[in-house]
Amino acid sequence: MSTNTLVFVTPAVEPEVSRPDPAKLISGHPVHTTWNLEERDGLYCGIWQSTPGKWKISYEEWEYCRILEGVSVISEDGGEAVRVAAGDSFILRPGFKGSWEVLETTRKDYVIKL
């Protein structure tokens, strides 16, 4: 395979396990697992998973996501809540502030550009 091609295979990297900052936690006890597959030139991509819970989010970067499994609700402050499930794709733009609520353990692939 070309050195300019990256296949998203989670067993290829050691996952990072974390939880939301307690100051941002709204409800539940979510656990995040992240497989960072690429970090280069301000571009990050990989696979992220979270167990149920809700926390505040704030973006200073662009993020493209595609939900692979599960159900979540993303709510922008002052805006409508958007339910996302397996097969849905979306972009969060710099300046987005709101919350992310995982209703069913959710797995997504992502590309972040700083």
C-alpha atoms as a PDB file:
ATOM      1  CA  MET A   1       0.000   0.000   0.000  1.00  0.00           C
ATOM      2  CA  SER A   2       1.182   3.532  -0.751  1.00  0.00           C
ATOM      3  CA  THR A   3       2.753   5.618   2.020  1.00  0.00           C
ATOM      4  CA  ASN A   4       0.237   8.290   1.013  1.00  0.00           C
ATOM      5  CA  THR A   5      -2.759   6.087   1.849  1.00  0.00           C
ATOM      6  CA  LEU A   6      -4.105   5.503   5.352  1.00  0.00           C
ATOM      7  CA  VAL A   7      -6.636   2.783   6.060  1.00  0.00           C
ATOM      8  CA  PHE A   8      -8.670   3.288   9.251  1.00  0.00           C
ATOM      9  CA  VAL A   9      -7.863   0.103  11.190  1.00  0.00           C
ATOM     10  CA  THR A  10      -8.228   0.554  14.955  1.00  0.00           C
ATOM     11  CA  PRO A  11      -6.077  -2.405  16.071  1.00  0.00           C
ATOM     12  CA  ALA A  12      -3.124  -0.725  14.316  1.00  0.00           C
ATOM     13  CA  VAL A  13      -2.794   1.844  17.150  1.00  0.00           C
ATOM     14  CA  GLU A  14      -3.087   1.827  20.935  1.00  0.00           C
ATOM     15  CA  PRO A  15      -6.319   3.565  22.014  1.00  0.00           C
ATOM     16  CA  GLU A  16      -6.395   6.513  24.383  1.00  0.00           C
ATOM     17  CA  VAL A  17      -9.082   6.296  27.084  1.00  0.00           C
ATOM     18  CA  SER A  18     -10.402   9.471  28.713  1.00  0.00           C
ATOM     19  CA  ARG A  19     -13.429  11.135  30.273  1.00  0.00           C
ATOM     20  CA  PRO A  20     -14.855  14.630  29.763  1.00  0.00           C
ATOM     21  CA  ASP A  21     -13.426  17.386  31.933  1.00  0.00           C
ATOM     22  CA  PRO A  22     -15.557  17.336  35.132  1.00  0.00           C
ATOM     23  CA  ALA A  23     -16.276  21.072  34.651  1.00  0.00           C
ATOM     24  CA  LYS A  24     -17.914  20.222  31.281  1.00  0.00           C
ATOM     25  CA  LEU A  25     -19.837  17.128  32.394  1.00  0.00           C
ATOM     26  CA  ILE A  26     -23.623  17.585  32.388  1.00  0.00           C
ATOM     27  CA  SER A  27     -24.799  14.032  33.094  1.00  0.00           C
ATOM     28  CA  GLY A  28     -23.739  10.401  33.175  1.00  0.00           C
ATOM     29  CA  HIS A  29     -20.291   8.858  33.343  1.00  0.00           C
ATOM     30  CA  PRO A  30     -19.119   8.743  29.709  1.00  0.00           C
ATOM     31  CA  VAL A  31     -15.867   7.032  28.783  1.00  0.00           C
ATOM     32  CA  HIS A  32     -14.160   8.056  25.545  1.00  0.00           C
ATOM     33  CA  THR A  33     -11.882   5.774  23.558  1.00  0.00           C
ATOM     34  CA  THR A  34      -9.888   7.369  20.752  1.00  0.00           C
ATOM     35  CA  TRP A  35      -7.740   5.741  18.114  1.00  0.00           C
ATOM     36  CA  ASN A  36      -5.638   8.608  16.672  1.00  0.00           C
ATOM     37  CA  LEU A  37      -4.561   7.343  13.280  1.00  0.00           C
ATOM     38  CA  GLU A  38      -2.922  10.476  11.866  1.00  0.00           C
ATOM     39  CA  GLU A  39      -1.591  13.722  13.345  1.00  0.00           C
ATOM     40  CA  ARG A  40       0.237  15.830  10.805  1.00  0.00           C
ATOM     41  CA  ASP A  41       0.355  19.449   9.600  1.00  0.00           C
ATOM     42  CA  GLY A  42      -2.652  20.520  11.697  1.00  0.00           C
ATOM     43  CA  LEU A  43      -4.753  17.598  10.468  1.00  0.00           C
ATOM     44  CA  TYR A  44      -5.970  14.866  12.816  1.00  0.00           C
ATOM     45  CA  CYS A  45      -8.026  11.825  11.957  1.00  0.00           C
ATOM     46  CA  GLY A  46      -9.092   8.606  13.588  1.00  0.00           C
ATOM     47  CA  ILE A  47     -11.923   6.847  15.315  1.00  0.00           C
ATOM     48  CA  TRP A  48     -13.621   7.959  18.529  1.00  0.00           C
ATOM     49  CA  GLN A  49     -16.122   6.154  20.714  1.00  0.00           C
ATOM     50  CA  SER A  50     -18.082   7.188  23.792  1.00  0.00           C
ATOM     51  CA  THR A  51     -20.391   5.481  26.229  1.00  0.00           C
ATOM     52  CA  PRO A  52     -23.620   7.301  27.269  1.00  0.00           C
ATOM     53  CA  GLY A  53     -23.494  10.690  28.954  1.00  0.00           C
ATOM     54  CA  LYS A  54     -23.687  14.398  28.172  1.00  0.00           C
ATOM     55  CA  TRP A  55     -21.056  17.145  28.252  1.00  0.00           C
ATOM     56  CA  LYS A  56     -20.402  20.671  26.967  1.00  0.00           C
ATOM     57  CA  ILE A  57     -18.390  21.079  23.766  1.00  0.00           C
ATOM     58  CA  SER A  58     -16.665  24.061  22.173  1.00  0.00           C
ATOM     59  CA  TYR A  59     -14.850  23.991  18.830  1.00  0.00           C
ATOM     60  CA  GLU A  60     -12.012  26.208  17.622  1.00  0.00           C
ATOM     61  CA  GLU A  61     -11.306  23.843  14.724  1.00  0.00           C
ATOM     62  CA  TRP A  62     -13.168  22.225  11.816  1.00  0.00           C
ATOM     63  CA  GLU A  63     -14.351  18.668  12.350  1.00  0.00           C
ATOM     64  CA  TYR A  64     -15.939  16.305   9.863  1.00  0.00           C
ATOM     65  CA  CYS A  65     -17.578  13.225  11.429  1.00  0.00           C
ATOM     66  CA  ARG A  66     -19.370  10.133  10.210  1.00  0.00           C
ATOM     67  CA  ILE A  67     -21.310   8.110  12.761  1.00  0.00           C
ATOM     68  CA  LEU A  68     -20.443   4.425  12.448  1.00  0.00           C
ATOM     69  CA  GLU A  69     -22.537   3.078  15.337  1.00  0.00           C
ATOM     70  CA  GLY A  70     -24.899   4.358  18.016  1.00  0.00           C
ATOM     71  CA  VAL A  71     -27.072   7.408  18.583  1.00  0.00           C
ATOM     72  CA  SER A  72     -26.127  10.876  19.859  1.00  0.00           C
ATOM     73  CA  VAL A  73     -27.731  14.308  20.112  1.00  0.00           C
ATOM     74  CA  ILE A  74     -25.685  17.418  19.336  1.00  0.00           C
ATOM     75  CA  SER A  75     -27.161  20.702  20.545  1.00  0.00           C
ATOM     76  CA  GLU A  76     -25.834  24.142  19.670  1.00  0.00           C
ATOM     77  CA  ASP A  77     -26.300  26.835  22.314  1.00  0.00           C
ATOM     78  CA  GLY A  78     -29.399  28.783  21.266  1.00  0.00           C
ATOM     79  CA  GLY A  79     -30.119  26.356  18.438  1.00  0.00           C
ATOM     80  CA  GLU A  80     -31.942  23.137  17.769  1.00  0.00           C
ATOM     81  CA  ALA A  81     -30.834  19.687  18.869  1.00  0.00           C
ATOM     82  CA  VAL A  82     -29.736  17.369  16.050  1.00  0.00           C
ATOM     83  CA  ARG A  83     -30.013  13.599  16.429  1.00  0.00           C
ATOM     84  CA  VAL A  84     -27.248  11.666  14.654  1.00  0.00           C
ATOM     85  CA  ALA A  85     -27.060   7.911  14.125  1.00  0.00           C
ATOM     86  CA  ALA A  86     -25.133   5.331  12.125  1.00  0.00           C
ATOM     87  CA  GLY A  87     -24.662   6.540   8.556  1.00  0.00           C
ATOM     88  CA  ASP A  88     -24.999  10.259   9.330  1.00  0.00           C
ATOM     89  CA  SER A  89     -22.185  12.669   8.415  1.00  0.00           C
ATOM     90  CA  PHE A  90     -21.782  16.280   9.524  1.00  0.00           C
ATOM     91  CA  ILE A  91     -19.353  19.153  10.064  1.00  0.00           C
ATOM     92  CA  LEU A  92     -18.830  21.147  13.237  1.00  0.00           C
ATOM     93  CA  ARG A  93     -17.369  24.569  12.395  1.00  0.00           C
ATOM     94  CA  PRO A  94     -15.038  26.732  14.469  1.00  0.00           C
ATOM     95  CA  GLY A  95     -17.083  28.697  16.998  1.00  0.00           C
ATOM     96  CA  PHE A  96     -19.586  25.879  17.642  1.00  0.00           C
ATOM     97  CA  LYS A  97     -20.602  25.769  21.304  1.00  0.00           C
ATOM     98  CA  GLY A  98     -23.152  23.458  22.821  1.00  0.00           C
ATOM     99  CA  SER A  99     -23.397  19.903  24.100  1.00  0.00           C
ATOM    100  CA  TRP A 100     -22.902  16.341  22.956  1.00  0.00           C
ATOM    101  CA  GLU A 101     -25.171  13.675  24.434  1.00  0.00           C
ATOM    102  CA  VAL A 102     -24.537  10.002  23.748  1.00  0.00           C
ATOM    103  CA  LEU A 103     -27.824   8.077  24.025  1.00  0.00           C
ATOM    104  CA  GLU A 104     -26.390   4.755  22.775  1.00  0.00           C
ATOM    105  CA  THR A 105     -22.653   4.074  22.723  1.00  0.00           C
ATOM    106  CA  THR A 106     -21.482   6.012  19.680  1.00  0.00           C
ATOM    107  CA  ARG A 107     -18.511   5.408  17.390  1.00  0.00           C
ATOM    108  CA  LYS A 108     -17.473   7.879  14.708  1.00  0.00           C
ATOM    109  CA  ASP A 109     -14.619   8.460  12.351  1.00  0.00           C
ATOM    110  CA  TYR A 110     -13.374  12.013  12.264  1.00  0.00           C
ATOM    111  CA  VAL A 111     -11.097  14.452  10.469  1.00  0.00           C
ATOM    112  CA  ILE A 112     -10.085  17.590  12.340  1.00  0.00           C
ATOM    113  CA  LYS A 113      -8.353  20.574  10.723  1.00  0.00           C
ATOM    114  CA  LEU A 114      -6.852  23.265  12.919  1.00  0.00           C
END
